[in-house]
PDB file of all heavy atoms in Angstrom:
ATOM      1  N   ALA A   1     -11.436  -8.414  32.672  1.00  0.00           N
ATOM      2  CA  ALA A   1     -10.005  -8.132  32.777  1.00  0.00           C
ATOM      3  C   ALA A   1      -9.219  -8.643  31.578  1.00  0.00           C
ATOM      4  O   ALA A   1      -8.043  -8.331  31.431  1.00  0.00           O
ATOM      5  CB  ALA A   1      -9.457  -8.760  34.055  1.00  0.00           C
ATOM      6  N   LEU A   2      -9.847  -9.428  30.717  1.00  0.00           N
ATOM      7  CA  LEU A   2      -9.161 -10.020  29.579  1.00  0.00           C
ATOM      8  C   LEU A   2      -9.557  -9.309  28.290  1.00  0.00           C
ATOM      9  O   LEU A   2     -10.642  -8.749  28.188  1.00  0.00           O
ATOM     10  CB  LEU A   2      -9.509 -11.504  29.467  1.00  0.00           C
ATOM     11  CG  LEU A   2      -9.040 -12.388  30.626  1.00  0.00           C
ATOM     12  CD1 LEU A   2      -9.619 -13.778  30.483  1.00  0.00           C
ATOM     13  CD2 LEU A   2      -7.522 -12.442  30.661  1.00  0.00           C
ATOM     14  N   PRO A   3      -8.683  -9.361  27.281  1.00  0.00           N
ATOM     15  CA  PRO A   3      -9.048  -8.780  25.983  1.00  0.00           C
ATOM     16  C   PRO A   3     -10.299  -9.440  25.426  1.00  0.00           C
ATOM     17  O   PRO A   3     -10.559 -10.618  25.665  1.00  0.00           O
ATOM     18  CB  PRO A   3      -7.824  -9.080  25.112  1.00  0.00           C
ATOM     19  CG  PRO A   3      -6.711  -9.333  26.065  1.00  0.00           C
ATOM     20  CD  PRO A   3      -7.331  -9.925  27.290  1.00  0.00           C
ATOM     21  N   ALA A   4     -11.073  -8.686  24.673  1.00  0.00           N
ATOM     22  CA  ALA A   4     -12.293  -9.230  24.086  1.00  0.00           C
ATOM     23  C   ALA A   4     -11.962 -10.426  23.212  1.00  0.00           C
ATOM     24  O   ALA A   4     -10.979 -10.435  22.474  1.00  0.00           O
ATOM     25  CB  ALA A   4     -12.986  -8.151  23.250  1.00  0.00           C
ATOM     26  N   GLY A   5     -12.779 -11.472  23.324  1.00  0.00           N
ATOM     27  CA  GLY A   5     -12.607 -12.643  22.488  1.00  0.00           C
ATOM     28  C   GLY A   5     -11.674 -13.683  23.045  1.00  0.00           C
ATOM     29  O   GLY A   5     -11.449 -14.716  22.414  1.00  0.00           O
ATOM     30  N   THR A   6     -11.135 -13.477  24.231  1.00  0.00           N
ATOM     31  CA  THR A   6     -10.229 -14.471  24.825  1.00  0.00           C
ATOM     32  C   THR A   6     -10.859 -15.028  26.096  1.00  0.00           C
ATOM     33  O   THR A   6     -11.950 -14.646  26.494  1.00  0.00           O
ATOM     34  CB  THR A   6      -8.846 -13.853  25.104  1.00  0.00           C
ATOM     35  OG1 THR A   6      -7.927 -14.891  25.439  1.00  0.00           O
ATOM     36  CG2 THR A   6      -8.902 -12.856  26.252  1.00  0.00           C
ATOM     37  N   THR A   7     -10.184 -15.977  26.726  1.00  0.00           N
ATOM     38  CA  THR A   7     -10.673 -16.615  27.948  1.00  0.00           C
ATOM     39  C   THR A   7      -9.498 -16.841  28.893  1.00  0.00           C
ATOM     40  O   THR A   7      -8.335 -16.828  28.461  1.00  0.00           O
ATOM     41  CB  THR A   7     -11.311 -17.985  27.644  1.00  0.00           C
ATOM     42  OG1 THR A   7     -10.291 -18.873  27.151  1.00  0.00           O
ATOM     43  CG2 THR A   7     -12.436 -17.867  26.626  1.00  0.00           C
ATOM     44  N   PRO A   8      -9.763 -17.071  30.169  1.00  0.00           N
ATOM     45  CA  PRO A   8      -8.658 -17.406  31.083  1.00  0.00           C
ATOM     46  C   PRO A   8      -7.871 -18.630  30.626  1.00  0.00           C
ATOM     47  O   PRO A   8      -6.647 -18.671  30.763  1.00  0.00           O
ATOM     48  CB  PRO A   8      -9.380 -17.659  32.408  1.00  0.00           C
ATOM     49  CG  PRO A   8     -10.627 -16.849  32.325  1.00  0.00           C
ATOM     50  CD  PRO A   8     -11.048 -16.914  30.886  1.00  0.00           C
ATOM     51  N   ALA A   9      -8.563 -19.631  30.093  1.00  0.00           N
ATOM     52  CA  ALA A   9      -7.869 -20.834  29.635  1.00  0.00           C
ATOM     53  C   ALA A   9      -6.910 -20.511  28.493  1.00  0.00           C
ATOM     54  O   ALA A   9      -5.777 -21.010  28.451  1.00  0.00           O
ATOM     55  CB  ALA A   9      -8.881 -21.895  29.199  1.00  0.00           C
ATOM     56  N   TYR A  10      -7.355 -19.684  27.556  1.00  0.00           N
ATOM     57  CA  TYR A  10      -6.491 -19.299  26.432  1.00  0.00           C
ATOM     58  C   TYR A  10      -5.273 -18.531  26.940  1.00  0.00           C
ATOM     59  O   TYR A  10      -4.143 -18.755  26.481  1.00  0.00           O
ATOM     60  CB  TYR A  10      -7.258 -18.449  25.429  1.00  0.00           C
ATOM     61  CG  TYR A  10      -6.396 -17.965  24.286  1.00  0.00           C
ATOM     62  CD1 TYR A  10      -6.214 -18.744  23.149  1.00  0.00           C
ATOM     63  CD2 TYR A  10      -5.743 -16.731  24.353  1.00  0.00           C
ATOM     64  CE1 TYR A  10      -5.410 -18.309  22.099  1.00  0.00           C
ATOM     65  CE2 TYR A  10      -4.925 -16.300  23.319  1.00  0.00           C
ATOM     66  CZ  TYR A  10      -4.772 -17.083  22.195  1.00  0.00           C
ATOM     67  OH  TYR A  10      -3.957 -16.657  21.182  1.00  0.00           O
ATOM     68  N   GLU A  11      -5.491 -17.614  27.871  1.00  0.00           N
ATOM     69  CA  GLU A  11      -4.390 -16.817  28.396  1.00  0.00           C
ATOM     70  C   GLU A  11      -3.350 -17.702  29.099  1.00  0.00           C
ATOM     71  O   GLU A  11      -2.145 -17.504  28.941  1.00  0.00           O
ATOM     72  CB  GLU A  11      -4.923 -15.751  29.360  1.00  0.00           C
ATOM     73  CG  GLU A  11      -5.771 -14.677  28.694  1.00  0.00           C
ATOM     74  CD  GLU A  11      -4.992 -13.871  27.676  1.00  0.00           C
ATOM     75  OE1 GLU A  11      -3.837 -13.513  27.954  1.00  0.00           O
ATOM     76  OE2 GLU A  11      -5.536 -13.611  26.591  1.00  0.00           O
ATOM     77  N   THR A  12      -3.829 -18.692  29.857  1.00  0.00           N
ATOM     78  CA  THR A  12      -2.902 -19.606  30.535  1.00  0.00           C
ATOM     79  C   THR A  12      -2.102 -20.410  29.523  1.00  0.00           C
ATOM     80  O   THR A  12      -0.869 -20.530  29.629  1.00  0.00           O
ATOM     81  CB  THR A  12      -3.677 -20.560  31.459  1.00  0.00           C
ATOM     82  OG1 THR A  12      -4.337 -19.790  32.470  1.00  0.00           O
ATOM     83  CG2 THR A  12      -2.740 -21.558  32.125  1.00  0.00           C
ATOM     84  N   LEU A  13      -2.791 -20.959  28.527  1.00  0.00           N
ATOM     85  CA  LEU A  13      -2.101 -21.748  27.508  1.00  0.00           C
ATOM     86  C   LEU A  13      -1.114 -20.890  26.738  1.00  0.00           C
ATOM     87  O   LEU A  13       0.035 -21.310  26.483  1.00  0.00           O
ATOM     88  CB  LEU A  13      -3.122 -22.360  26.541  1.00  0.00           C
ATOM     89  CG  LEU A  13      -2.539 -23.156  25.374  1.00  0.00           C
ATOM     90  CD1 LEU A  13      -1.692 -24.318  25.867  1.00  0.00           C
ATOM     91  CD2 LEU A  13      -3.653 -23.655  24.459  1.00  0.00           C
ATOM     92  N   SER A  14      -1.508 -19.683  26.376  1.00  0.00           N
ATOM     93  CA  SER A  14      -0.625 -18.790  25.631  1.00  0.00           C
ATOM     94  C   SER A  14       0.625 -18.451  26.447  1.00  0.00           C
ATOM     95  O   SER A  14       1.743 -18.417  25.918  1.00  0.00           O
ATOM     96  CB  SER A  14      -1.368 -17.515  25.240  1.00  0.00           C
ATOM     97  OG  SER A  14      -0.544 -16.658  24.481  1.00  0.00           O
ATOM     98  N   THR A  15       0.443 -18.216  27.734  1.00  0.00           N
ATOM     99  CA  THR A  15       1.594 -17.920  28.601  1.00  0.00           C
ATOM    100  C   THR A  15       2.564 -19.088  28.643  1.00  0.00           C
ATOM    101  O   THR A  15       3.783 -18.912  28.536  1.00  0.00           O
ATOM    102  CB  THR A  15       1.117 -17.582  30.017  1.00  0.00           C
ATOM    103  OG1 THR A  15       0.330 -16.378  29.972  1.00  0.00           O
ATOM    104  CG2 THR A  15       2.289 -17.359  30.963  1.00  0.00           C
ATOM    105  N   LEU A  16       2.040 -20.308  28.782  1.00  0.00           N
ATOM    106  CA  LEU A  16       2.904 -21.488  28.807  1.00  0.00           C
ATOM    107  C   LEU A  16       3.659 -21.632  27.490  1.00  0.00           C
ATOM    108  O   LEU A  16       4.858 -21.920  27.474  1.00  0.00           O
ATOM    109  CB  LEU A  16       2.072 -22.745  29.079  1.00  0.00           C
ATOM    110  CG  LEU A  16       1.513 -22.885  30.489  1.00  0.00           C
ATOM    111  CD1 LEU A  16       0.543 -24.065  30.563  1.00  0.00           C
ATOM    112  CD2 LEU A  16       2.641 -23.064  31.503  1.00  0.00           C
ATOM    113  N   LEU A  17       2.967 -21.432  26.376  1.00  0.00           N
ATOM    114  CA  LEU A  17       3.603 -21.584  25.075  1.00  0.00           C
ATOM    115  C   LEU A  17       4.677 -20.529  24.839  1.00  0.00           C
ATOM    116  O   LEU A  17       5.711 -20.805  24.225  1.00  0.00           O
ATOM    117  CB  LEU A  17       2.548 -21.509  23.970  1.00  0.00           C
ATOM    118  CG  LEU A  17       1.630 -22.727  23.843  1.00  0.00           C
ATOM    119  CD1 LEU A  17       0.419 -22.395  22.975  1.00  0.00           C
ATOM    120  CD2 LEU A  17       2.394 -23.917  23.259  1.00  0.00           C
ATOM    121  N   HIS A  18       4.435 -19.314  25.327  1.00  0.00           N
ATOM    122  CA  HIS A  18       5.378 -18.219  25.093  1.00  0.00           C
ATOM    123  C   HIS A  18       6.572 -18.249  26.054  1.00  0.00           C
ATOM    124  O   HIS A  18       7.611 -17.646  25.752  1.00  0.00           O
ATOM    125  CB  HIS A  18       4.668 -16.866  25.202  1.00  0.00           C
ATOM    126  CG  HIS A  18       3.895 -16.494  23.970  1.00  0.00           C
ATOM    127  ND1 HIS A  18       2.624 -16.963  23.717  1.00  0.00           N
ATOM    128  CD2 HIS A  18       4.229 -15.717  22.906  1.00  0.00           C
ATOM    129  CE1 HIS A  18       2.194 -16.485  22.559  1.00  0.00           C
ATOM    130  NE2 HIS A  18       3.148 -15.734  22.050  1.00  0.00           N
ATOM    131  N   THR A  19       6.438 -18.923  27.191  1.00  0.00           N
ATOM    132  CA  THR A  19       7.526 -18.899  28.175  1.00  0.00           C
ATOM    133  C   THR A  19       8.306 -20.212  28.245  1.00  0.00           C
ATOM    134  O   THR A  19       9.397 -20.247  28.809  1.00  0.00           O
ATOM    135  CB  THR A  19       6.997 -18.570  29.588  1.00  0.00           C
ATOM    136  OG1 THR A  19       6.000 -19.529  29.972  1.00  0.00           O
ATOM    137  CG2 THR A  19       6.377 -17.177  29.617  1.00  0.00           C
ATOM    138  N   ARG A  20       7.779 -21.286  27.672  1.00  0.00           N
ATOM    139  CA  ARG A  20       8.508 -22.552  27.675  1.00  0.00           C
ATOM    140  C   ARG A  20       9.777 -22.421  26.828  1.00  0.00           C
ATOM    141  O   ARG A  20       9.816 -21.710  25.843  1.00  0.00           O
ATOM    142  CB  ARG A  20       7.632 -23.674  27.096  1.00  0.00           C
ATOM    143  CG  ARG A  20       8.233 -25.061  27.280  1.00  0.00           C
ATOM    144  CD  ARG A  20       7.760 -26.030  26.220  1.00  0.00           C
ATOM    145  NE  ARG A  20       8.200 -25.643  24.885  1.00  0.00           N
ATOM    146  CZ  ARG A  20       9.412 -25.860  24.393  1.00  0.00           C
ATOM    147  NH1 ARG A  20      10.351 -26.436  25.134  1.00  0.00           N
ATOM    148  NH2 ARG A  20       9.707 -25.475  23.161  1.00  0.00           N
ATOM    149  N   TYR A  21      10.814 -23.123  27.238  1.00  0.00           N
ATOM    150  CA  TYR A  21      12.067 -23.118  26.480  1.00  0.00           C
ATOM    151  C   TYR A  21      12.726 -24.482  26.644  1.00  0.00           C
ATOM    152  O   TYR A  21      12.358 -25.274  27.519  1.00  0.00           O
ATOM    153  CB  TYR A  21      13.012 -22.020  27.004  1.00  0.00           C
ATOM    154  CG  TYR A  21      13.454 -22.223  28.430  1.00  0.00           C
ATOM    155  CD1 TYR A  21      14.670 -22.849  28.735  1.00  0.00           C
ATOM    156  CD2 TYR A  21      12.649 -21.816  29.491  1.00  0.00           C
ATOM    157  CE1 TYR A  21      15.060 -23.054  30.048  1.00  0.00           C
ATOM    158  CE2 TYR A  21      13.036 -22.032  30.809  1.00  0.00           C
ATOM    159  CZ  TYR A  21      14.233 -22.646  31.072  1.00  0.00           C
ATOM    160  OH  TYR A  21      14.612 -22.857  32.379  1.00  0.00           O
ATOM    161  N   SER A  22      13.685 -24.780  25.784  1.00  0.00           N
ATOM    162  CA  SER A  22      14.440 -26.022  25.882  1.00  0.00           C
ATOM    163  C   SER A  22      15.517 -25.866  26.941  1.00  0.00           C
ATOM    164  O   SER A  22      16.458 -25.085  26.772  1.00  0.00           O
ATOM    165  CB  SER A  22      15.066 -26.374  24.530  1.00  0.00           C
ATOM    166  OG  SER A  22      14.059 -26.715  23.595  1.00  0.00           O
ATOM    167  N   CYS A  23      15.366 -26.599  28.036  1.00  0.00           N
ATOM    168  CA  CYS A  23      16.305 -26.510  29.155  1.00  0.00           C
ATOM    169  C   CYS A  23      17.533 -27.360  28.835  1.00  0.00           C
ATOM    170  O   CYS A  23      17.416 -28.551  28.527  1.00  0.00           O
ATOM    171  CB  CYS A  23      15.622 -27.007  30.429  1.00  0.00           C
ATOM    172  SG  CYS A  23      16.641 -26.902  31.899  1.00  0.00           S
ATOM    173  N   ARG A  24      18.718 -26.748  28.915  1.00  0.00           N
ATOM    174  CA  ARG A  24      19.951 -27.464  28.600  1.00  0.00           C
ATOM    175  C   ARG A  24      20.950 -27.436  29.756  1.00  0.00           C
ATOM    176  O   ARG A  24      22.147 -27.613  29.540  1.00  0.00           O
ATOM    177  CB  ARG A  24      20.585 -26.878  27.333  1.00  0.00           C
ATOM    178  CG  ARG A  24      19.762 -27.129  26.068  1.00  0.00           C
ATOM    179  CD  ARG A  24      20.460 -26.586  24.841  1.00  0.00           C
ATOM    180  NE  ARG A  24      19.760 -26.894  23.612  1.00  0.00           N
ATOM    181  CZ  ARG A  24      18.813 -26.125  23.076  1.00  0.00           C
ATOM    182  NH1 ARG A  24      18.449 -25.001  23.681  1.00  0.00           N
ATOM    183  NH2 ARG A  24      18.232 -26.482  21.938  1.00  0.00           N
TER     184      ARG A  24
END
């Protein structure tokens, strides 16, 4: 279900990095 060359762990980390923001 994942793109070639990636892993579930990478996808989770990437999602966190792309969705985190500075809460004000």
